[in-house]
Protein backbone atom coordinates (compact mmCIF):
# COMPACT_ATOMS: atom_id res chain seq x y z
CA ALA A 1 -2.37 -2.82 20.66
CA ALA A 2 -2.80 -2.79 17.10
CA VAL A 3 0.32 -2.59 14.98
CA ALA A 4 0.68 -1.17 11.67
CA LEU A 5 3.71 -1.15 9.35
CA VAL A 6 3.42 1.71 6.10
CA GLN A 7 6.51 0.85 3.88
CA GLY A 8 7.45 3.95 1.68
CA ALA A 9 6.21 6.71 4.26
CA SER A 10 8.79 9.85 4.06
CA ARG A 11 6.24 11.45 1.49
CA GLY A 12 2.64 11.36 0.06
CA LEU A 13 -0.01 8.64 0.58
CA GLY A 14 2.87 7.15 2.63
CA ILE A 15 3.22 9.99 5.15
CA GLU A 16 -0.52 10.59 4.87
CA PHE A 17 -1.18 7.33 6.29
CA CYS A 18 0.66 7.48 9.04
CA ARG A 19 -0.88 10.98 9.65
CA TYR A 20 -4.37 9.33 9.69
CA LEU A 21 -3.55 6.14 11.58
CA LEU A 22 -1.58 8.38 14.55
CA LEU A 23 -4.91 10.23 14.79
CA ASN A 24 -7.64 8.26 14.42
CA LYS A 25 -6.90 4.94 15.22
CA ALA A 26 -5.10 5.44 19.14
CA PRO A 27 -3.21 3.56 20.83
CA ALA A 28 -2.27 1.63 17.45
CA ALA A 29 1.81 1.82 17.26
CA VAL A 30 3.06 3.33 13.81
CA ILE A 31 5.82 1.86 11.99
CA ALA A 32 6.65 3.41 9.33
CA THR A 33 9.64 2.58 6.66
CA CYS A 34 11.66 4.69 4.43
CA ARG A 35 14.86 4.58 2.40
CA ASN A 36 16.48 7.05 4.42
CA PRO A 37 15.14 7.68 8.02
CA ASP A 38 17.75 10.24 9.31
CA GLY A 39 16.99 13.08 6.40
CA ALA A 40 12.97 12.35 6.18
CA GLU A 41 12.00 15.45 8.64
CA HIS A 42 8.23 15.64 8.12
CA LEU A 43 7.92 11.96 9.59
CA ALA A 44 10.19 13.02 12.65
CA ALA A 45 8.40 15.90 13.19
CA LEU A 46 4.83 13.73 12.81
CA ALA A 47 6.62 11.01 15.34
CA ALA A 48 7.68 14.03 17.57
CA GLN A 49 3.80 14.74 17.82
CA HIS A 50 2.97 11.41 19.03
CA PRO A 51 5.23 10.49 21.52
CA GLY A 52 5.58 6.69 22.03
CA ARG A 53 3.39 5.51 18.99
CA MET A 54 6.01 5.48 15.96
CA THR A 55 8.98 4.67 14.82
CA LEU A 56 11.16 5.19 12.24
CA LEU A 57 12.27 1.92 10.50
CA LYS A 58 15.20 2.31 7.23
CA LEU A 59 14.38 -0.23 4.46
CA ASP A 60 15.03 0.18 0.76
CA VAL A 61 11.69 -1.95 -1.29
CA ASN A 62 14.30 -2.83 -3.95
CA ARG A 63 17.15 -4.48 -1.33
CA GLU A 64 15.14 -7.85 -0.30
CA GLU A 65 18.63 -8.08 2.80
CA ASP A 66 16.68 -4.16 3.81
CA ILE A 67 12.87 -5.99 4.19
CA LYS A 68 14.51 -9.75 6.09
CA ASN A 69 16.13 -7.02 8.62
CA ALA A 70 12.86 -5.06 8.51
CA ALA A 71 11.19 -8.18 9.35
CA GLU A 72 13.49 -9.42 12.11
CA SER A 73 13.23 -6.28 13.82
CA VAL A 74 9.38 -5.91 13.74
CA LYS A 75 9.38 -9.28 14.97
CA SER A 76 11.40 -8.89 18.07
CA ASP A 77 9.92 -5.43 19.00
CA PHE A 78 5.99 -6.11 18.34
CA GLY A 79 5.51 -9.64 17.55
CA LYS A 80 3.02 -9.10 15.19
CA VAL A 81 1.90 -6.76 12.34
CA ASP A 82 -1.89 -5.93 11.90
CA LEU A 83 -2.41 -3.96 8.76
CA LEU A 84 0.44 -3.60 6.36
CA MET A 85 0.24 -0.91 3.85
CA ASN A 86 2.72 -0.70 0.60
CA CYS A 87 2.93 2.61 -0.68
CA SER A 88 6.22 3.05 -2.28
CA ALA A 89 5.99 3.60 -6.40
CA MET A 90 8.16 5.24 -9.23
CA LEU A 91 6.62 6.38 -12.04
CA HIS A 92 10.20 5.88 -14.08
CA PRO A 93 13.46 6.20 -13.75
CA SER A 94 13.70 9.17 -16.32
CA GLY A 95 10.41 10.83 -14.16
CA LYS A 96 8.28 10.91 -16.68
CA GLY A 97 6.47 7.67 -18.36
CA GLU A 98 7.03 6.67 -21.64
CA THR A 99 4.70 8.06 -24.58
CA SER A 100 5.35 5.92 -27.29
CA LEU A 101 7.59 2.83 -28.09
CA ARG A 102 10.57 4.45 -28.75
CA ASP A 103 10.91 5.61 -25.15
CA VAL A 104 11.12 2.09 -24.37
CA SER A 105 14.02 1.01 -22.61
CA ALA A 106 14.66 -2.64 -20.97
CA GLN A 107 16.52 -1.39 -17.92
CA GLY A 108 13.35 1.54 -17.49
CA ILE A 109 10.76 -1.51 -17.03
CA ILE A 110 12.74 -3.82 -14.91
CA SER A 111 13.70 -0.60 -12.46
CA THR A 112 9.60 0.59 -12.16
CA LEU A 113 8.90 -3.77 -11.76
CA THR A 114 11.36 -3.94 -9.02
CA THR A 115 10.14 -0.94 -7.14
CA ASN A 116 6.37 -1.42 -7.91
CA THR A 117 5.95 -5.09 -8.29
CA VAL A 118 8.90 -7.14 -6.94
CA GLY A 119 9.43 -5.02 -3.90
CA PRO A 120 5.85 -5.03 -2.73
CA LEU A 121 5.57 -8.79 -3.24
CA VAL A 122 8.54 -9.54 -1.10
CA MET A 123 7.41 -7.52 1.14
CA VAL A 124 4.17 -9.91 1.89
CA LYS A 125 7.00 -12.79 1.53
CA TYR A 126 8.59 -11.74 4.88
CA PHE A 127 5.55 -9.60 6.90
CA ALA A 128 3.29 -12.88 6.31
CA SER A 129 3.92 -14.98 9.35
CA LEU A 130 3.94 -11.65 11.29
CA LEU A 131 0.39 -10.82 9.75
CA GLN A 132 -0.61 -14.43 10.20
CA MET A 133 -0.03 -13.21 14.36
CA GLY A 134 -2.56 -10.42 13.61
CA THR A 135 -5.38 -10.35 16.03
CA GLY A 136 -7.68 -8.86 13.14
CA ALA A 137 -7.80 -4.98 14.70
CA PHE A 138 -7.97 -3.71 11.34
CA GLY A 139 -11.57 -4.30 9.45
CA GLN A 140 -13.49 -6.15 11.91
CA GLN A 141 -16.78 -5.32 12.17
CA PRO A 142 -18.40 -4.06 15.61
CA GLN A 143 -21.16 -6.71 15.36
CA GLU A 144 -18.92 -9.55 14.36
CA LYS A 145 -17.79 -11.08 17.68
CA ALA A 146 -15.50 -13.52 16.22
CA LYS A 147 -12.24 -13.27 14.36
CA GLN A 148 -12.57 -12.65 10.84
CA HIS A 149 -8.85 -12.48 9.64
CA SER A 150 -5.68 -12.14 11.24
CA GLY A 151 -4.22 -9.24 9.23
CA ILE A 152 -4.67 -6.75 6.09
CA ILE A 153 -2.38 -5.98 3.07
CA VAL A 154 -3.06 -2.63 1.01
CA ASN A 155 -0.92 -2.76 -1.93
CA MET A 156 -1.68 0.38 -3.68
CA THR A 157 -2.07 0.27 -7.36
CA ALA A 158 -3.55 3.13 -10.14
CA ARG A 159 -6.20 2.96 -12.07
CA VAL A 160 -3.88 2.75 -15.16
CA GLY A 161 -3.03 -0.73 -14.19
CA SER A 162 -6.45 -1.98 -15.63
CA ILE A 163 -6.35 -3.99 -19.13
CA GLY A 164 -10.06 -3.28 -20.09
CA ASP A 165 -9.67 0.70 -18.51
CA ASN A 166 -6.77 1.51 -20.90
CA ALA A 167 -7.56 3.50 -23.88
CA LEU A 168 -4.23 6.08 -24.16
CA GLY A 169 -1.72 3.91 -24.00
CA GLY A 170 1.48 4.89 -23.24
CA TRP A 171 3.20 4.91 -19.66
CA TYR A 172 4.60 1.37 -20.61
CA SER A 173 6.76 0.47 -17.32
CA TYR A 174 4.07 2.13 -15.15
CA ARG A 175 1.35 0.34 -16.09
CA MET A 176 2.36 -2.66 -16.53
CA SER A 177 3.38 -2.63 -13.14
CA LYS A 178 0.53 -2.06 -11.67
CA THR A 179 -1.00 -4.88 -13.55
CA ALA A 180 1.40 -7.02 -12.39
CA LEU A 181 1.11 -5.56 -8.56
CA ASN A 182 -2.80 -6.63 -8.93
CA MET A 183 -1.84 -10.32 -10.72
CA ALA A 184 0.36 -10.48 -7.68
CA THR A 185 -2.43 -9.02 -4.92
CA ARG A 186 -4.90 -11.69 -6.40
CA ASN A 187 -2.46 -14.95 -5.80
CA LEU A 188 -1.64 -13.41 -1.97
CA SER A 189 -5.24 -13.18 -1.76
CA ILE A 190 -6.10 -16.63 -2.66
CA GLU A 191 -2.66 -18.02 -1.02
CA LEU A 192 -2.79 -16.27 2.55
CA GLY A 193 -6.50 -16.20 2.89
CA ARG A 194 -7.05 -19.97 3.77
CA GLY A 195 -6.71 -21.27 7.13
CA ARG A 196 -7.05 -20.24 10.77
CA GLY A 197 -4.40 -17.00 10.29
CA LYS A 198 -6.23 -15.58 7.27
CA ILE A 199 -4.88 -12.21 5.74
CA VAL A 200 -6.76 -10.01 3.56
CA CYS A 201 -5.47 -8.42 0.78
CA VAL A 202 -6.74 -5.10 -0.55
CA PRO A 203 -5.26 -2.98 -3.85
CA ALA A 204 -6.34 0.04 -3.48
CA SER A 205 -6.32 1.85 -7.25
CA TRP A 206 -5.01 5.14 -6.43
CA ASN A 207 -1.34 6.98 -6.80
CA CYS A 208 -1.16 10.81 -4.70
CA LYS A 209 2.17 12.20 -6.62
CA TYR A 210 1.62 10.21 -10.50
CA GLY A 211 -1.50 10.07 -11.04
CA SER A 212 -3.63 12.48 -12.37
CA VAL A 213 -5.83 14.56 -10.66
CA LEU A 214 -7.56 16.46 -13.02
CA ALA A 215 -8.46 12.71 -14.77
CA ILE A 216 -9.79 11.44 -11.20
CA SER A 217 -12.40 14.63 -10.40
CA PRO A 218 -11.68 18.10 -12.29
CA LYS A 219 -13.13 19.76 -8.91
CA CYS A 220 -11.04 17.86 -7.05
CA SER A 221 -7.33 19.43 -5.41
CA GLN A 222 -4.10 16.85 -4.87
CA GLY A 223 -4.45 17.90 -1.02
CA GLN A 224 -8.40 16.61 -1.42
CA ALA A 225 -7.60 13.03 -3.19
CA VAL A 226 -4.53 12.64 -0.65
CA GLN A 227 -7.06 12.72 1.54
CA HIS A 228 -9.94 11.21 0.37
CA ARG A 229 -7.64 8.21 -0.43
CA VAL A 230 -6.47 7.65 3.30
CA LEU A 231 -10.44 8.01 4.20
CA CYS A 232 -11.35 5.38 1.57
CA THR A 233 -7.90 2.84 2.01
CA ILE A 234 -7.47 2.31 5.32
CA PRO A 235 -9.32 -0.64 6.18
CA ASN A 236 -11.91 0.18 8.77
CA GLU A 237 -13.80 2.62 6.87
CA CYS A 238 -13.78 0.33 3.51
CA ASN A 239 -15.15 -2.86 4.17
CA ARG A 240 -17.38 -2.45 1.13
CA GLN A 241 -14.17 -2.47 -0.85
CA LEU A 242 -12.87 -5.64 0.90
CA LYS A 243 -16.11 -7.76 0.04
CA HIS A 244 -15.83 -6.41 -3.23
CA TRP A 245 -12.42 -7.35 -4.01
CA GLN A 246 -13.05 -10.81 -2.40
CA ASN A 247 -15.60 -10.96 -4.84
CA ARG A 248 -13.23 -10.23 -7.41
CA GLU A 249 -14.45 -6.46 -8.34
CA ALA A 250 -12.41 -3.37 -8.26
CA TYR A 251 -13.72 0.24 -7.28
CA ALA A 252 -12.21 4.04 -7.75
CA TRP A 253 -12.26 6.51 -5.66
CA ASP A 254 -16.08 7.70 -6.40
CA GLY A 255 -17.55 3.74 -6.50
CA THR A 256 -17.46 3.01 -9.97
CA GLU A 257 -15.97 0.03 -10.70
CA ILE A 258 -13.04 -0.15 -12.49
CA PRO A 259 -12.67 -3.51 -15.31
CA TRP A 260 -9.66 -5.50 -14.67
């Protein structure tokens, strides 16, 4: 069976991705990671609804040792990963983005970059070999008889990470972290896209907790935005996005191109 790992699964997009995979990708196994599985009541309830298909795993994306241990555990129990989704993110340690230069602090920037950029990259470092063992179970077109890729990595970026689209300023730490994540994702797509164990890397430009729903669509509720992002990002439903990312293009939820 296919194996999907959702990093940062306790809330927001993470848990919605888990829900979607469990409901629509049977019999795929779903590995959901978070810092405190014992306190993740909503994840536990979701797992109870799908006995035998969901595994909760302790992982703090800011701790490299946690990531290494999680990869070893997944290798032992599953032997591969077909889909890795990096969902955890923070706006700023203070809970709000910097609105001006006087709000900027070195520690705030470092903490935000650690969670939003370094964490996903280190995840790929330790899970790349498992993704190369994948079977191409996600994102494969029905008419494609030969395997086109082994695994898929989805990094949750944000439109505010676009340099060309930035007309408002502010949110220094968050914007910088997502811009850096875009670069990391592009680098990964080049390095891991080579050879027989090809891995496809996709940036998904939306964040349901920190992005403004009204800025995306005035007629779209937060619940609808989360559901829409789920439907548009799961690779089997976004082959167009895979193709455009390989062509160095990025698109918003409504299909409009976003400048880098």
